[in-house]
Amino acid sequence: MRLGHELGLPELGENDRNLIVAFRECGISKSGFAGAIPLEWPDILAFAISTGSVEDGTDMGILFHMCRAYCSAHDEARNDAMVIAPAERSPNT
């Protein structure tokens, strides 16, 4: 409990659930020179056409932003000394 309110998961509609499934199925990211990079528009369009699970441009835009947010959070966590396992930390952190 926080400030007298129970914290819970948000209510998800059917379309929201479909987007989460599509997010996981599309691969979320691809490998780049410096690690994981978000999927680009052509990747998402190819996924949408081949699977039919992303119905319109709005959903493709949401999926695009979800992939970018995931990769951004992944990069931030990779550089955060508190996220790195103690055995893997360098002596300077």
C-alpha atoms as a PDB file:
ATOM      1  CA  MET A   1       0.000   0.000   0.000  1.00  0.00           C
ATOM      2  CA  ARG A   2       1.167   3.447  -0.848  1.00  0.00           C
ATOM      3  CA  LEU A   3      -0.418   6.573   0.583  1.00  0.00           C
ATOM      4  CA  GLY A   4      -3.489   4.623   1.589  1.00  0.00           C
ATOM      5  CA  HIS A   5      -4.159   3.242  -1.908  1.00  0.00           C
ATOM      6  CA  GLU A   6      -3.679  -0.273  -3.126  1.00  0.00           C
ATOM      7  CA  LEU A   7      -1.430  -0.573  -6.118  1.00  0.00           C
ATOM      8  CA  GLY A   8      -2.707  -2.839  -8.821  1.00  0.00           C
ATOM      9  CA  LEU A   9      -2.279  -3.638 -12.449  1.00  0.00           C
ATOM     10  CA  PRO A  10      -4.154  -1.484 -14.963  1.00  0.00           C
ATOM     11  CA  GLU A  11      -7.250  -2.835 -16.633  1.00  0.00           C
ATOM     12  CA  LEU A  12      -6.445  -4.090 -20.111  1.00  0.00           C
ATOM     13  CA  GLY A  13      -8.906  -4.236 -22.958  1.00  0.00           C
ATOM     14  CA  GLU A  14      -8.783  -6.911 -25.653  1.00  0.00           C
ATOM     15  CA  ASN A  15      -6.853  -4.648 -28.037  1.00  0.00           C
ATOM     16  CA  ASP A  16      -4.301  -3.911 -25.292  1.00  0.00           C
ATOM     17  CA  ARG A  17      -3.776  -7.622 -24.733  1.00  0.00           C
ATOM     18  CA  ASN A  18      -3.327  -8.152 -28.459  1.00  0.00           C
ATOM     19  CA  LEU A  19      -0.671  -5.425 -28.556  1.00  0.00           C
ATOM     20  CA  ILE A  20       1.233  -7.008 -25.677  1.00  0.00           C
ATOM     21  CA  VAL A  21       1.187 -10.364 -27.456  1.00  0.00           C
ATOM     22  CA  ALA A  22       2.320  -8.693 -30.686  1.00  0.00           C
ATOM     23  CA  PHE A  23       5.085  -6.875 -28.758  1.00  0.00           C
ATOM     24  CA  ARG A  24       6.449 -10.162 -27.472  1.00  0.00           C
ATOM     25  CA  GLU A  25       6.037 -12.013 -30.772  1.00  0.00           C
ATOM     26  CA  CYS A  26       7.668  -9.379 -32.973  1.00  0.00           C
ATOM     27  CA  GLY A  27      10.999  -9.785 -31.219  1.00  0.00           C
ATOM     28  CA  ILE A  28      10.990  -6.407 -29.385  1.00  0.00           C
ATOM     29  CA  SER A  29      14.473  -5.513 -30.627  1.00  0.00           C
ATOM     30  CA  LYS A  30      17.196  -6.574 -32.993  1.00  0.00           C
ATOM     31  CA  SER A  31      20.941  -6.794 -32.593  1.00  0.00           C
ATOM     32  CA  GLY A  32      23.021  -3.780 -33.455  1.00  0.00           C
ATOM     33  CA  PHE A  33      26.661  -2.832 -33.149  1.00  0.00           C
ATOM     34  CA  ALA A  34      26.200  -1.436 -29.629  1.00  0.00           C
ATOM     35  CA  GLY A  35      23.666  -4.026 -28.437  1.00  0.00           C
ATOM     36  CA  ALA A  36      19.897  -4.167 -28.725  1.00  0.00           C
ATOM     37  CA  ILE A  37      18.244  -1.589 -30.963  1.00  0.00           C
ATOM     38  CA  PRO A  38      14.502  -1.049 -31.358  1.00  0.00           C
ATOM     39  CA  LEU A  39      12.612  -2.381 -34.328  1.00  0.00           C
ATOM     40  CA  GLU A  40      12.185   0.132 -37.129  1.00  0.00           C
ATOM     41  CA  TRP A  41       9.072   0.923 -39.166  1.00  0.00           C
ATOM     42  CA  PRO A  42       9.874  -1.571 -41.969  1.00  0.00           C
ATOM     43  CA  ASP A  43      10.322  -4.338 -39.368  1.00  0.00           C
ATOM     44  CA  ILE A  44       6.988  -3.578 -37.740  1.00  0.00           C
ATOM     45  CA  LEU A  45       5.210  -3.271 -41.090  1.00  0.00           C
ATOM     46  CA  ALA A  46       6.605  -6.638 -42.220  1.00  0.00           C
ATOM     47  CA  PHE A  47       5.483  -8.194 -38.925  1.00  0.00           C
ATOM     48  CA  ALA A  48       2.007  -6.674 -39.264  1.00  0.00           C
ATOM     49  CA  ILE A  49       1.589  -7.891 -42.838  1.00  0.00           C
ATOM     50  CA  SER A  50       2.906 -11.386 -42.186  1.00  0.00           C
ATOM     51  CA  THR A  51       0.937 -12.052 -38.997  1.00  0.00           C
ATOM     52  CA  GLY A  52      -2.154  -9.870 -39.284  1.00  0.00           C
ATOM     53  CA  SER A  53      -2.001  -9.334 -35.515  1.00  0.00           C
ATOM     54  CA  VAL A  54      -1.488  -5.561 -35.780  1.00  0.00           C
ATOM     55  CA  GLU A  55      -4.621  -4.122 -37.326  1.00  0.00           C
ATOM     56  CA  ASP A  56      -3.957  -0.470 -38.122  1.00  0.00           C
ATOM     57  CA  GLY A  57      -1.429   2.344 -38.207  1.00  0.00           C
ATOM     58  CA  THR A  58      -2.232   3.437 -34.672  1.00  0.00           C
ATOM     59  CA  ASP A  59      -1.371  -0.001 -33.305  1.00  0.00           C
ATOM     60  CA  MET A  60       1.820  -0.067 -35.373  1.00  0.00           C
ATOM     61  CA  GLY A  61       2.757   3.323 -33.889  1.00  0.00           C
ATOM     62  CA  ILE A  62       2.134   2.060 -30.373  1.00  0.00           C
ATOM     63  CA  LEU A  63       4.216  -1.049 -31.078  1.00  0.00           C
ATOM     64  CA  PHE A  64       7.010   1.151 -32.479  1.00  0.00           C
ATOM     65  CA  HIS A  65       7.051   3.285 -29.320  1.00  0.00           C
ATOM     66  CA  MET A  66       6.906   0.205 -27.066  1.00  0.00           C
ATOM     67  CA  CYS A  67      10.020  -1.196 -28.773  1.00  0.00           C
ATOM     68  CA  ARG A  68      11.855   2.139 -28.397  1.00  0.00           C
ATOM     69  CA  ALA A  69      10.879   2.424 -24.724  1.00  0.00           C
ATOM     70  CA  TYR A  70      11.997  -1.146 -24.025  1.00  0.00           C
ATOM     71  CA  CYS A  71      15.411  -0.586 -25.597  1.00  0.00           C
ATOM     72  CA  SER A  72      15.815   2.751 -23.819  1.00  0.00           C
ATOM     73  CA  ALA A  73      15.044   1.173 -20.431  1.00  0.00           C
ATOM     74  CA  HIS A  74      17.338  -1.755 -21.260  1.00  0.00           C
ATOM     75  CA  ASP A  75      20.221   0.637 -22.014  1.00  0.00           C
ATOM     76  CA  GLU A  76      19.624   2.611 -18.821  1.00  0.00           C
ATOM     77  CA  ALA A  77      19.552  -0.564 -16.733  1.00  0.00           C
ATOM     78  CA  ARG A  78      22.709  -1.883 -18.373  1.00  0.00           C
ATOM     79  CA  ASN A  79      24.580   1.242 -17.268  1.00  0.00           C
ATOM     80  CA  ASP A  80      23.139   1.372 -13.731  1.00  0.00           C
ATOM     81  CA  ALA A  81      25.585  -0.040 -11.178  1.00  0.00           C
ATOM     82  CA  MET A  82      22.737  -1.121  -8.899  1.00  0.00           C
ATOM     83  CA  VAL A  83      21.289  -3.363 -11.628  1.00  0.00           C
ATOM     84  CA  ILE A  84      24.560  -5.111 -12.441  1.00  0.00           C
ATOM     85  CA  ALA A  85      25.163  -8.290 -10.427  1.00  0.00           C
ATOM     86  CA  PRO A  86      27.877  -7.793  -7.765  1.00  0.00           C
ATOM     87  CA  ALA A  87      30.088 -10.443  -9.337  1.00  0.00           C
ATOM     88  CA  GLU A  88      30.005  -8.565 -12.657  1.00  0.00           C
ATOM     89  CA  ARG A  89      30.654  -5.067 -11.312  1.00  0.00           C
ATOM     90  CA  SER A  90      33.963  -3.418 -12.018  1.00  0.00           C
ATOM     91  CA  PRO A  91      35.982  -2.178  -9.014  1.00  0.00           C
ATOM     92  CA  ASN A  92      35.089   1.432  -9.927  1.00  0.00           C
ATOM     93  CA  THR A  93      31.321   1.004  -9.439  1.00  0.00           C
END
